[in-house]
Amino acid sequence: MNWDRFEGNWKQFKGNVKEHWGHLADDPFDIIAGRRENLAGKVQESQGITREEAEKQLADWHKRMKEINYVK
């Protein structure tokens, strides 16, 4: 599944993202709106990690979503 689908179905995936990165407040979810670069930036900012680590976390999360058939 590519990120265009996440963006198009953001309301559906927002709950799972909140579950995985629970430390993010509700406000950023409106800003993120399913866009990978926005989510990576908010994860990076909230955890004080590098952009590369945030991207790795997103890739790992995306892989898990595929493994549990949450996304195609």
C-alpha atoms as a PDB file:
ATOM      1  CA  MET A   1       0.000   0.000   0.000  1.00  0.00           C
ATOM      2  CA  ASN A   2       1.338   3.382  -0.856  1.00  0.00           C
ATOM      3  CA  TRP A   3       0.943   6.529   1.200  1.00  0.00           C
ATOM      4  CA  ASP A   4      -1.594   8.000  -1.223  1.00  0.00           C
ATOM      5  CA  ARG A   5      -4.077   5.487   0.119  1.00  0.00           C
ATOM      6  CA  PHE A   6      -3.231   6.415   3.722  1.00  0.00           C
ATOM      7  CA  GLU A   7      -3.826  10.038   2.887  1.00  0.00           C
ATOM      8  CA  GLY A   8      -7.129   9.246   1.201  1.00  0.00           C
ATOM      9  CA  ASN A   9      -8.321   7.140   4.143  1.00  0.00           C
ATOM     10  CA  TRP A  10      -6.738   9.184   6.914  1.00  0.00           C
ATOM     11  CA  LYS A  11      -9.769   9.078   9.216  1.00  0.00           C
ATOM     12  CA  GLN A  12      -9.691   5.292   9.111  1.00  0.00           C
ATOM     13  CA  PHE A  13      -5.964   5.035   9.872  1.00  0.00           C
ATOM     14  CA  LYS A  14      -5.753   7.885  12.375  1.00  0.00           C
ATOM     15  CA  GLY A  15      -6.846   5.643  15.247  1.00  0.00           C
ATOM     16  CA  ASN A  16      -4.111   3.143  14.576  1.00  0.00           C
ATOM     17  CA  VAL A  17      -1.514   5.892  14.311  1.00  0.00           C
ATOM     18  CA  LYS A  18      -2.703   7.318  17.648  1.00  0.00           C
ATOM     19  CA  GLU A  19      -2.444   3.852  19.170  1.00  0.00           C
ATOM     20  CA  HIS A  20       1.108   3.402  17.914  1.00  0.00           C
ATOM     21  CA  TRP A  21       2.373   6.916  18.652  1.00  0.00           C
ATOM     22  CA  GLY A  22       0.146   7.710  21.635  1.00  0.00           C
ATOM     23  CA  HIS A  23       2.326  10.591  22.739  1.00  0.00           C
ATOM     24  CA  LEU A  24       1.138  12.705  19.795  1.00  0.00           C
ATOM     25  CA  ALA A  25      -1.613  15.123  20.731  1.00  0.00           C
ATOM     26  CA  ASP A  26      -4.823  15.390  18.716  1.00  0.00           C
ATOM     27  CA  ASP A  27      -3.905  18.708  17.083  1.00  0.00           C
ATOM     28  CA  PRO A  28      -1.082  17.309  14.929  1.00  0.00           C
ATOM     29  CA  PHE A  29      -3.434  14.748  13.397  1.00  0.00           C
ATOM     30  CA  ASP A  30      -5.280  17.485  11.560  1.00  0.00           C
ATOM     31  CA  ILE A  31      -1.960  18.854  10.323  1.00  0.00           C
ATOM     32  CA  ILE A  32      -0.633  15.410   9.373  1.00  0.00           C
ATOM     33  CA  ALA A  33      -3.749  14.511   7.368  1.00  0.00           C
ATOM     34  CA  GLY A  34      -2.180  11.216   6.299  1.00  0.00           C
ATOM     35  CA  ARG A  35       0.830  12.766   4.616  1.00  0.00           C
ATOM     36  CA  ARG A  36       3.930  10.716   5.346  1.00  0.00           C
ATOM     37  CA  GLU A  37       6.307  13.663   5.502  1.00  0.00           C
ATOM     38  CA  ASN A  38       4.078  15.416   8.031  1.00  0.00           C
ATOM     39  CA  LEU A  39       3.756  12.295  10.192  1.00  0.00           C
ATOM     40  CA  ALA A  40       7.499  11.687  10.068  1.00  0.00           C
ATOM     41  CA  GLY A  41       8.118  15.285  11.121  1.00  0.00           C
ATOM     42  CA  LYS A  42       5.731  15.075  14.064  1.00  0.00           C
ATOM     43  CA  VAL A  43       7.189  11.740  15.227  1.00  0.00           C
ATOM     44  CA  GLN A  44      10.693  13.201  14.908  1.00  0.00           C
ATOM     45  CA  GLU A  45       9.754  16.361  16.796  1.00  0.00           C
ATOM     46  CA  SER A  46       7.825  14.650  19.587  1.00  0.00           C
ATOM     47  CA  GLN A  47      10.488  12.024  20.251  1.00  0.00           C
ATOM     48  CA  GLY A  48      13.550  14.169  19.665  1.00  0.00           C
ATOM     49  CA  ILE A  49      14.960  11.712  17.130  1.00  0.00           C
ATOM     50  CA  THR A  50      16.563  12.070  13.723  1.00  0.00           C
ATOM     51  CA  ARG A  51      14.518  12.196  10.551  1.00  0.00           C
ATOM     52  CA  GLU A  52      16.061   8.884   9.534  1.00  0.00           C
ATOM     53  CA  GLU A  53      14.882   7.209  12.764  1.00  0.00           C
ATOM     54  CA  ALA A  54      11.390   8.643  12.320  1.00  0.00           C
ATOM     55  CA  GLU A  55      11.300   7.304   8.762  1.00  0.00           C
ATOM     56  CA  LYS A  56      12.475   3.912  10.027  1.00  0.00           C
ATOM     57  CA  GLN A  57       9.689   3.852  12.618  1.00  0.00           C
ATOM     58  CA  LEU A  58       7.142   4.681   9.910  1.00  0.00           C
ATOM     59  CA  ALA A  59       8.497   1.947   7.646  1.00  0.00           C
ATOM     60  CA  ASP A  60       8.372  -0.584  10.501  1.00  0.00           C
ATOM     61  CA  TRP A  61       4.813   0.458  11.400  1.00  0.00           C
ATOM     62  CA  HIS A  62       3.714   0.259   7.757  1.00  0.00           C
ATOM     63  CA  LYS A  63       5.226  -3.228   7.485  1.00  0.00           C
ATOM     64  CA  ARG A  64       3.324  -4.372  10.607  1.00  0.00           C
ATOM     65  CA  MET A  65       0.094  -2.993   9.188  1.00  0.00           C
ATOM     66  CA  LYS A  66       0.654  -5.064   6.060  1.00  0.00           C
ATOM     67  CA  GLU A  67       1.495  -8.179   8.091  1.00  0.00           C
ATOM     68  CA  ILE A  68      -1.740  -8.027  10.036  1.00  0.00           C
ATOM     69  CA  ASN A  69      -3.615  -7.256   6.802  1.00  0.00           C
ATOM     70  CA  TYR A  70      -4.720  -3.882   8.114  1.00  0.00           C
ATOM     71  CA  VAL A  71      -3.603  -2.417   4.828  1.00  0.00           C
ATOM     72  CA  LYS A  72      -3.191  -3.957   1.395  1.00  0.00           C
END
